[in-house]
Amino acid sequence: MQVQQRLKKSLPLNISQVVSDKIFFVVVLFSFRNIFILNFFYYIIYLFLFPLSFITTVLT
């Protein structure tokens, strides 16, 4: 009887812990994806800007 009560008390905590871990994982995943996308955009901008600046320095 006591063990059953203990299980009932600890079970919601475990479930909430798992849910919060999942949410944390999803948030981390999304933030990493966003960082990656931002870096990708910056990389593209650099790819466009660097040749332009290079060409202008060579021409002048």
N, C-alpha and C. Protein backbone atom coordinates (compact mmCIF):
# COMPACT_ATOMS: atom_id res chain seq x y z
N MET A 1 0.84 -1.21 0.00
CA MET A 1 0.00 0.00 0.00
C MET A 1 0.87 1.26 0.00
N GLN A 2 1.85 1.27 0.85
CA GLN A 2 2.74 2.43 0.93
C GLN A 2 3.53 2.60 -0.37
N VAL A 3 3.99 1.51 -0.92
CA VAL A 3 4.76 1.55 -2.17
C VAL A 3 3.90 2.12 -3.30
N GLN A 4 2.63 1.69 -3.34
CA GLN A 4 1.71 2.16 -4.36
C GLN A 4 1.51 3.68 -4.26
N GLN A 5 1.34 4.15 -3.03
CA GLN A 5 1.18 5.60 -2.82
C GLN A 5 2.43 6.35 -3.27
N ARG A 6 3.57 5.79 -2.97
CA ARG A 6 4.83 6.40 -3.37
C ARG A 6 4.92 6.47 -4.90
N LEU A 7 4.55 5.40 -5.56
CA LEU A 7 4.58 5.37 -7.01
C LEU A 7 3.66 6.43 -7.59
N LYS A 8 2.47 6.53 -7.00
CA LYS A 8 1.51 7.53 -7.48
C LYS A 8 2.05 8.94 -7.29
N LYS A 9 2.80 9.15 -6.24
CA LYS A 9 3.35 10.49 -5.98
C LYS A 9 4.51 10.80 -6.94
N SER A 10 5.33 9.80 -7.21
CA SER A 10 6.52 10.04 -8.01
C SER A 10 6.23 9.99 -9.51
N LEU A 11 5.16 9.34 -9.90
CA LEU A 11 4.86 9.17 -11.32
C LEU A 11 4.57 10.50 -12.03
N PRO A 12 3.68 11.35 -11.51
CA PRO A 12 3.43 12.63 -12.20
C PRO A 12 4.71 13.45 -12.32
N LEU A 13 5.55 13.38 -11.30
CA LEU A 13 6.81 14.11 -11.35
C LEU A 13 7.67 13.60 -12.50
N ASN A 14 7.74 12.29 -12.64
CA ASN A 14 8.53 11.70 -13.73
C ASN A 14 7.98 12.11 -15.09
N ILE A 15 6.67 12.06 -15.22
CA ILE A 15 6.03 12.42 -16.49
C ILE A 15 6.31 13.89 -16.81
N SER A 16 6.16 14.75 -15.82
CA SER A 16 6.42 16.17 -16.05
C SER A 16 7.89 16.41 -16.39
N GLN A 17 8.77 15.63 -15.75
CA GLN A 17 10.19 15.74 -16.03
C GLN A 17 10.48 15.36 -17.48
N VAL A 18 9.88 14.28 -17.92
CA VAL A 18 10.07 13.81 -19.30
C VAL A 18 9.52 14.84 -20.28
N VAL A 19 8.35 15.37 -19.97
CA VAL A 19 7.73 16.38 -20.85
C VAL A 19 8.60 17.62 -20.92
N SER A 20 9.09 18.06 -19.77
CA SER A 20 9.93 19.26 -19.76
C SER A 20 11.24 19.01 -20.50
N ASP A 21 11.78 17.80 -20.37
CA ASP A 21 12.99 17.44 -21.11
C ASP A 21 12.72 17.49 -22.61
N LYS A 22 11.57 16.96 -23.01
CA LYS A 22 11.21 16.96 -24.43
C LYS A 22 11.07 18.40 -24.94
N ILE A 23 10.39 19.23 -24.15
CA ILE A 23 10.20 20.64 -24.54
C ILE A 23 11.55 21.33 -24.65
N PHE A 24 12.41 21.07 -23.67
CA PHE A 24 13.75 21.65 -23.68
C PHE A 24 14.50 21.22 -24.94
N PHE A 25 14.41 19.93 -25.26
CA PHE A 25 15.08 19.40 -26.44
C PHE A 25 14.57 20.08 -27.71
N VAL A 26 13.26 20.23 -27.80
CA VAL A 26 12.66 20.87 -28.98
C VAL A 26 13.11 22.32 -29.09
N VAL A 27 13.12 23.01 -27.95
CA VAL A 27 13.55 24.42 -27.94
C VAL A 27 15.01 24.53 -28.38
N VAL A 28 15.84 23.65 -27.85
CA VAL A 28 17.26 23.65 -28.22
C VAL A 28 17.42 23.36 -29.70
N LEU A 29 16.66 22.40 -30.18
CA LEU A 29 16.72 22.02 -31.59
C LEU A 29 16.33 23.20 -32.48
N PHE A 30 15.24 23.87 -32.11
CA PHE A 30 14.78 25.01 -32.91
C PHE A 30 15.79 26.15 -32.87
N SER A 31 16.36 26.40 -31.70
CA SER A 31 17.32 27.49 -31.59
C SER A 31 18.57 27.17 -32.40
N PHE A 32 19.00 25.90 -32.36
CA PHE A 32 20.16 25.52 -33.17
C PHE A 32 19.85 25.66 -34.65
N ARG A 33 18.64 25.28 -35.02
CA ARG A 33 18.25 25.39 -36.43
C ARG A 33 18.22 26.86 -36.85
N ASN A 34 17.69 27.70 -35.98
CA ASN A 34 17.65 29.13 -36.28
C ASN A 34 19.05 29.72 -36.39
N ILE A 35 19.93 29.31 -35.50
CA ILE A 35 21.32 29.78 -35.54
C ILE A 35 21.96 29.32 -36.85
N PHE A 36 21.70 28.10 -37.22
CA PHE A 36 22.27 27.56 -38.45
C PHE A 36 21.76 28.35 -39.66
N ILE A 37 20.46 28.63 -39.68
CA ILE A 37 19.86 29.38 -40.80
C ILE A 37 20.47 30.79 -40.84
N LEU A 38 20.61 31.42 -39.68
CA LEU A 38 21.21 32.76 -39.62
C LEU A 38 22.64 32.73 -40.14
N ASN A 39 23.38 31.74 -39.70
CA ASN A 39 24.76 31.61 -40.17
C ASN A 39 24.80 31.39 -41.67
N PHE A 40 23.86 30.63 -42.16
CA PHE A 40 23.79 30.36 -43.59
C PHE A 40 23.54 31.65 -44.36
N PHE A 41 22.63 32.48 -43.85
CA PHE A 41 22.34 33.76 -44.49
C PHE A 41 23.56 34.68 -44.46
N TYR A 42 24.22 34.69 -43.29
CA TYR A 42 25.43 35.51 -43.18
C TYR A 42 26.49 35.03 -44.17
N TYR A 43 26.58 33.73 -44.31
CA TYR A 43 27.56 33.15 -45.22
C TYR A 43 27.27 33.57 -46.66
N ILE A 44 26.00 33.53 -47.02
CA ILE A 44 25.59 33.95 -48.37
C ILE A 44 25.91 35.43 -48.58
N ILE A 45 25.59 36.24 -47.57
CA ILE A 45 25.87 37.68 -47.66
C ILE A 45 27.37 37.91 -47.82
N TYR A 46 28.15 37.17 -47.05
CA TYR A 46 29.61 37.28 -47.18
C TYR A 46 30.06 36.88 -48.58
N LEU A 47 29.47 35.82 -49.09
CA LEU A 47 29.84 35.35 -50.42
C LEU A 47 29.54 36.42 -51.47
N PHE A 48 28.46 37.16 -51.26
CA PHE A 48 28.12 38.24 -52.20
C PHE A 48 29.00 39.46 -51.97
N LEU A 49 29.23 39.80 -50.71
CA LEU A 49 29.94 41.04 -50.40
C LEU A 49 31.44 40.93 -50.64
N PHE A 50 32.00 39.81 -50.32
CA PHE A 50 33.45 39.68 -50.44
C PHE A 50 33.94 39.83 -51.89
N PRO A 51 33.33 39.14 -52.85
CA PRO A 51 33.77 39.34 -54.24
C PRO A 51 33.58 40.78 -54.69
N LEU A 52 32.50 41.41 -54.27
CA LEU A 52 32.27 42.81 -54.64
C LEU A 52 33.38 43.71 -54.12
N SER A 53 33.70 43.56 -52.86
CA SER A 53 34.76 44.39 -52.27
C SER A 53 36.11 44.05 -52.92
N PHE A 54 36.30 42.78 -53.20
CA PHE A 54 37.54 42.36 -53.84
C PHE A 54 37.68 42.98 -55.23
N ILE A 55 36.59 42.93 -55.97
CA ILE A 55 36.59 43.50 -57.33
C ILE A 55 36.84 45.00 -57.27
N THR A 56 36.19 45.68 -56.35
CA THR A 56 36.36 47.14 -56.26
C THR A 56 37.79 47.49 -55.86
N THR A 57 38.37 46.69 -54.98
CA THR A 57 39.77 46.98 -54.59
C THR A 57 40.72 46.71 -55.75
N VAL A 58 40.43 45.69 -56.51
CA VAL A 58 41.29 45.37 -57.66
C VAL A 58 41.14 46.45 -58.74
N LEU A 59 39.94 46.93 -58.96
CA LEU A 59 39.68 47.91 -60.01
C LEU A 59 40.26 49.28 -59.67
N THR A 60 40.21 49.64 -58.38
CA THR A 60 40.68 50.97 -58.01
C THR A 60 42.15 51.01 -57.63
